[in-house]
């Protein structure tokens, strides 16, 4: 089923420690795809990249351009290109830099 959460189980090897009790058993439900947990699981499961792309598309072209200007690690390559030609990985890089202190 599309948009269904896939929760961590005790069989998973990469379960975040914060979901486990002191015996190593999972006691909190969290989606492996979107990261939502407990009360948020009634919401749709949207992969993190989809959330990022939705955020990017909600911005005006001026806001997108200003965010590209902030990307000091890409030597203005993003600014020199058409905003509509940015790849999802480039948009994700912009998002991560913009919100790196919030993560």
N, C-alpha and C. Protein backbone atom coordinates (compact mmCIF):
# COMPACT_ATOMS: atom_id res chain seq x y z
N UNK A 1 0.83 -1.18 0.00
CA UNK A 1 0.00 0.00 0.00
C UNK A 1 0.88 1.25 0.00
N UNK A 2 0.60 2.18 -0.89
CA UNK A 2 1.38 3.40 -1.01
C UNK A 2 1.16 4.29 0.21
N UNK A 3 2.20 4.97 0.63
CA UNK A 3 2.18 5.89 1.77
C UNK A 3 1.95 5.18 3.10
N UNK A 4 2.25 3.89 3.16
CA UNK A 4 2.11 3.15 4.41
C UNK A 4 3.45 3.17 5.13
N UNK A 5 3.40 3.41 6.43
CA UNK A 5 4.62 3.45 7.22
C UNK A 5 5.21 2.04 7.35
N UNK A 6 6.53 1.98 7.31
CA UNK A 6 7.26 0.73 7.54
C UNK A 6 8.05 0.94 8.82
N UNK A 7 7.60 0.28 9.88
CA UNK A 7 8.17 0.51 11.20
C UNK A 7 9.38 -0.37 11.45
N UNK A 8 10.28 0.14 12.28
CA UNK A 8 11.41 -0.67 12.72
C UNK A 8 10.89 -1.86 13.51
N UNK A 9 11.57 -2.99 13.37
CA UNK A 9 11.24 -4.18 14.15
C UNK A 9 12.50 -4.65 14.88
N UNK A 10 12.32 -5.56 15.81
CA UNK A 10 13.47 -6.10 16.55
C UNK A 10 14.42 -6.85 15.64
N UNK A 11 13.97 -7.26 14.45
CA UNK A 11 14.82 -7.98 13.50
C UNK A 11 15.75 -7.04 12.72
N UNK A 12 15.46 -5.74 12.71
CA UNK A 12 16.29 -4.78 11.98
C UNK A 12 17.61 -4.56 12.71
N UNK A 13 18.67 -4.40 11.93
CA UNK A 13 20.00 -4.19 12.51
C UNK A 13 20.29 -2.72 12.80
N UNK A 14 19.63 -1.81 12.10
CA UNK A 14 19.96 -0.39 12.18
C UNK A 14 18.93 0.41 12.97
N UNK A 15 18.35 -0.18 14.00
CA UNK A 15 17.34 0.51 14.80
C UNK A 15 18.01 1.58 15.67
N UNK A 16 17.50 2.82 15.62
CA UNK A 16 18.06 3.86 16.49
C UNK A 16 17.92 3.45 17.96
N UNK A 17 18.96 3.70 18.72
CA UNK A 17 18.97 3.31 20.13
C UNK A 17 17.85 3.98 20.92
N UNK A 18 17.45 5.16 20.51
CA UNK A 18 16.41 5.89 21.26
C UNK A 18 15.05 5.19 21.21
N UNK A 19 14.88 4.22 20.32
CA UNK A 19 13.62 3.48 20.22
C UNK A 19 13.60 2.24 21.09
N UNK A 20 14.75 1.89 21.69
CA UNK A 20 14.88 0.63 22.42
C UNK A 20 14.85 0.86 23.93
N UNK A 21 14.41 -0.19 24.64
CA UNK A 21 14.51 -0.15 26.09
C UNK A 21 15.88 -0.68 26.50
N UNK A 22 16.14 -0.79 27.78
CA UNK A 22 17.46 -1.22 28.24
C UNK A 22 17.77 -2.69 27.90
N UNK A 23 16.73 -3.45 27.52
CA UNK A 23 16.94 -4.83 27.10
C UNK A 23 17.19 -4.95 25.59
N UNK A 24 17.11 -3.82 24.89
CA UNK A 24 17.35 -3.82 23.46
C UNK A 24 16.10 -4.06 22.63
N UNK A 25 14.95 -4.13 23.27
CA UNK A 25 13.69 -4.33 22.55
C UNK A 25 13.10 -2.98 22.14
N UNK A 26 12.48 -2.95 20.97
CA UNK A 26 11.86 -1.72 20.49
C UNK A 26 10.60 -1.45 21.31
N UNK A 27 10.51 -0.25 21.85
CA UNK A 27 9.34 0.14 22.65
C UNK A 27 8.63 1.35 22.07
N UNK A 28 9.26 2.03 21.12
CA UNK A 28 8.64 3.17 20.45
C UNK A 28 8.56 2.88 18.96
N UNK A 29 7.42 3.20 18.35
CA UNK A 29 7.23 2.98 16.92
C UNK A 29 7.76 4.16 16.13
N UNK A 30 8.58 3.85 15.10
CA UNK A 30 9.08 4.90 14.21
C UNK A 30 9.19 4.32 12.81
N UNK A 31 8.82 5.13 11.81
CA UNK A 31 8.87 4.72 10.41
C UNK A 31 10.30 4.81 9.89
N UNK A 32 10.71 3.78 9.18
CA UNK A 32 12.05 3.75 8.58
C UNK A 32 12.15 4.69 7.38
N UNK A 33 11.03 4.99 6.75
CA UNK A 33 11.02 5.77 5.52
C UNK A 33 11.02 7.27 5.79
N UNK A 34 10.08 7.72 6.61
CA UNK A 34 9.92 9.16 6.80
C UNK A 34 10.39 9.66 8.16
N UNK A 35 10.61 8.76 9.11
CA UNK A 35 11.09 9.16 10.42
C UNK A 35 10.00 9.57 11.40
N UNK A 36 8.73 9.56 10.96
CA UNK A 36 7.65 9.91 11.88
C UNK A 36 7.52 8.82 12.93
N UNK A 37 7.05 9.23 14.13
CA UNK A 37 6.95 8.29 15.23
C UNK A 37 5.65 8.50 16.00
N UNK A 38 5.26 7.42 16.69
CA UNK A 38 4.14 7.42 17.63
C UNK A 38 2.91 8.16 17.10
N UNK A 39 2.55 9.30 17.67
CA UNK A 39 1.32 10.01 17.31
C UNK A 39 1.31 10.49 15.86
N UNK A 40 2.46 10.64 15.24
CA UNK A 40 2.55 11.13 13.86
C UNK A 40 2.23 10.03 12.84
N UNK A 41 2.14 8.80 13.28
CA UNK A 41 1.96 7.69 12.35
C UNK A 41 0.59 7.66 11.68
N UNK A 42 -0.34 8.50 12.14
CA UNK A 42 -1.63 8.59 11.46
C UNK A 42 -1.53 9.48 10.21
N UNK A 43 -0.44 10.22 10.09
CA UNK A 43 -0.20 11.06 8.92
C UNK A 43 0.38 10.21 7.78
N UNK A 44 0.30 10.72 6.57
CA UNK A 44 0.85 10.01 5.41
C UNK A 44 2.35 9.83 5.55
N UNK A 45 2.85 8.74 5.03
CA UNK A 45 4.28 8.49 4.98
C UNK A 45 4.82 9.09 3.69
N UNK A 46 5.61 10.13 3.83
CA UNK A 46 6.26 10.74 2.68
C UNK A 46 7.75 10.61 2.87
N UNK A 47 8.43 9.98 1.92
CA UNK A 47 9.89 9.87 2.04
C UNK A 47 10.51 11.24 2.21
N UNK A 48 11.60 11.28 2.94
CA UNK A 48 12.23 12.56 3.26
C UNK A 48 12.56 13.36 2.01
N UNK A 49 13.00 12.70 0.94
CA UNK A 49 13.32 13.43 -0.29
C UNK A 49 12.09 14.09 -0.87
N UNK A 50 10.92 13.45 -0.75
CA UNK A 50 9.68 14.05 -1.25
C UNK A 50 9.34 15.30 -0.46
N UNK A 51 9.54 15.25 0.84
CA UNK A 51 9.29 16.42 1.68
C UNK A 51 10.20 17.57 1.27
N UNK A 52 11.45 17.25 0.99
CA UNK A 52 12.41 18.28 0.58
C UNK A 52 12.00 18.89 -0.76
N UNK A 53 11.61 18.05 -1.71
CA UNK A 53 11.21 18.57 -3.02
C UNK A 53 9.94 19.42 -2.90
N UNK A 54 9.01 19.00 -2.05
CA UNK A 54 7.80 19.80 -1.83
C UNK A 54 8.15 21.16 -1.24
N UNK A 55 9.10 21.17 -0.29
CA UNK A 55 9.55 22.42 0.30
C UNK A 55 10.14 23.32 -0.79
N UNK A 56 11.02 22.77 -1.61
CA UNK A 56 11.68 23.54 -2.67
C UNK A 56 10.65 24.13 -3.63
N UNK A 57 9.69 23.33 -4.02
CA UNK A 57 8.67 23.79 -4.98
C UNK A 57 7.74 24.82 -4.38
N UNK A 58 7.67 24.90 -3.05
CA UNK A 58 6.81 25.89 -2.41
C UNK A 58 7.46 27.27 -2.34
N UNK A 59 8.76 27.33 -2.61
CA UNK A 59 9.49 28.60 -2.56
C UNK A 59 9.31 29.38 -3.85
N UNK A 60 9.40 30.70 -3.75
CA UNK A 60 9.39 31.52 -4.96
C UNK A 60 10.74 31.36 -5.66
N UNK A 61 10.79 31.75 -6.91
CA UNK A 61 12.06 31.69 -7.65
C UNK A 61 13.13 32.56 -7.00
N UNK A 62 12.74 33.71 -6.46
CA UNK A 62 13.70 34.57 -5.76
C UNK A 62 14.26 33.88 -4.53
N UNK A 63 13.39 33.21 -3.76
CA UNK A 63 13.86 32.49 -2.58
C UNK A 63 14.80 31.36 -2.97
N UNK A 64 14.46 30.64 -4.04
CA UNK A 64 15.33 29.56 -4.51
C UNK A 64 16.69 30.12 -4.92
N UNK A 65 16.68 31.23 -5.64
CA UNK A 65 17.92 31.87 -6.09
C UNK A 65 18.78 32.30 -4.90
N UNK A 66 18.15 32.91 -3.88
CA UNK A 66 18.89 33.36 -2.70
C UNK A 66 19.51 32.16 -1.96
N UNK A 67 18.79 31.07 -1.88
CA UNK A 67 19.34 29.87 -1.23
C UNK A 67 20.53 29.32 -2.01
N UNK A 68 20.45 29.38 -3.33
CA UNK A 68 21.58 28.92 -4.15
C UNK A 68 22.80 29.80 -3.91
N UNK A 69 22.58 31.10 -3.74
CA UNK A 69 23.69 32.01 -3.48
C UNK A 69 24.41 31.68 -2.18
N UNK A 70 23.69 31.10 -1.22
CA UNK A 70 24.28 30.75 0.08
C UNK A 70 25.20 29.53 -0.01
N UNK A 71 25.13 28.81 -1.09
CA UNK A 71 25.88 27.55 -1.19
C UNK A 71 27.34 27.82 -1.52
N UNK A 72 28.12 28.13 -0.50
CA UNK A 72 29.52 28.48 -0.73
C UNK A 72 30.36 27.30 -1.18
N UNK A 73 29.89 26.09 -0.98
CA UNK A 73 30.69 24.92 -1.35
C UNK A 73 30.49 24.47 -2.79
N UNK A 74 29.71 25.19 -3.57
CA UNK A 74 29.52 24.79 -4.96
C UNK A 74 30.00 25.84 -5.94
N UNK A 75 30.71 26.85 -5.45
CA UNK A 75 31.34 27.86 -6.30
C UNK A 75 30.37 28.50 -7.30
N UNK A 76 29.16 28.77 -6.83
CA UNK A 76 28.15 29.45 -7.65
C UNK A 76 27.71 28.67 -8.88
N UNK A 77 28.02 27.38 -8.95
CA UNK A 77 27.54 26.59 -10.09
C UNK A 77 26.03 26.51 -10.11
N UNK A 78 25.41 26.45 -8.93
CA UNK A 78 23.95 26.38 -8.87
C UNK A 78 23.33 27.67 -9.38
N UNK A 79 23.94 28.79 -9.07
CA UNK A 79 23.38 30.08 -9.46
C UNK A 79 23.47 30.26 -10.98
N UNK A 80 24.50 29.72 -11.58
CA UNK A 80 24.71 29.89 -13.01
C UNK A 80 23.75 29.03 -13.85
N UNK A 81 23.12 28.07 -13.23
CA UNK A 81 22.20 27.19 -13.95
C UNK A 81 20.77 27.66 -13.78
N UNK A 82 19.92 27.19 -14.66
CA UNK A 82 18.49 27.43 -14.50
C UNK A 82 18.01 26.73 -13.25
N UNK A 83 17.23 27.40 -12.42
CA UNK A 83 16.74 26.79 -11.19
C UNK A 83 15.92 25.53 -11.47
N UNK A 84 15.21 25.51 -12.58
CA UNK A 84 14.36 24.35 -12.90
C UNK A 84 15.18 23.12 -13.28
N UNK A 85 16.48 23.30 -13.53
CA UNK A 85 17.30 22.16 -13.94
C UNK A 85 18.07 21.53 -12.77
N UNK A 86 17.85 22.04 -11.55
CA UNK A 86 18.55 21.46 -10.40
C UNK A 86 18.08 20.03 -10.17
N UNK A 87 19.00 19.17 -9.83
CA UNK A 87 18.66 17.77 -9.55
C UNK A 87 18.15 17.64 -8.12
N UNK A 88 17.41 16.56 -7.83
CA UNK A 88 16.96 16.35 -6.45
C UNK A 88 18.11 16.32 -5.44
N UNK A 89 19.25 15.77 -5.82
CA UNK A 89 20.38 15.73 -4.87
C UNK A 89 20.93 17.13 -4.60
N UNK A 90 20.90 18.01 -5.60
CA UNK A 90 21.34 19.39 -5.39
C UNK A 90 20.35 20.13 -4.49
N UNK A 91 19.08 19.89 -4.70
CA UNK A 91 18.06 20.52 -3.86
C UNK A 91 18.20 20.01 -2.43
N UNK A 92 18.46 18.73 -2.28
CA UNK A 92 18.63 18.16 -0.94
C UNK A 92 19.84 18.80 -0.25
N UNK A 93 20.91 19.04 -1.00
CA UNK A 93 22.10 19.67 -0.45
C UNK A 93 21.76 21.08 0.04
N UNK A 94 20.97 21.82 -0.73
CA UNK A 94 20.55 23.17 -0.33
C UNK A 94 19.72 23.09 0.94
N UNK A 95 18.79 22.16 0.98
CA UNK A 95 17.92 22.00 2.16
C UNK A 95 18.74 21.67 3.40
N UNK A 96 19.69 20.75 3.25
CA UNK A 96 20.51 20.35 4.39
C UNK A 96 21.32 21.52 4.93
N UNK A 97 21.85 22.32 4.01
CA UNK A 97 22.63 23.47 4.46
C UNK A 97 21.74 24.51 5.12
N UNK A 98 20.57 24.75 4.58
CA UNK A 98 19.64 25.75 5.12
C UNK A 98 19.16 25.36 6.53
N UNK A 99 18.96 24.06 6.75
CA UNK A 99 18.38 23.62 8.01
C UNK A 99 19.36 22.80 8.86
N UNK A 100 20.65 22.89 8.58
CA UNK A 100 21.61 22.06 9.29
C UNK A 100 21.60 22.27 10.80
N UNK A 101 21.27 23.45 11.25
CA UNK A 101 21.23 23.70 12.69
C UNK A 101 19.93 23.21 13.32
N UNK A 102 18.91 22.92 12.48
CA UNK A 102 17.62 22.47 13.00
C UNK A 102 17.53 20.95 13.08
N UNK A 103 18.49 20.24 12.48
CA UNK A 103 18.42 18.77 12.38
C UNK A 103 19.02 18.15 13.62
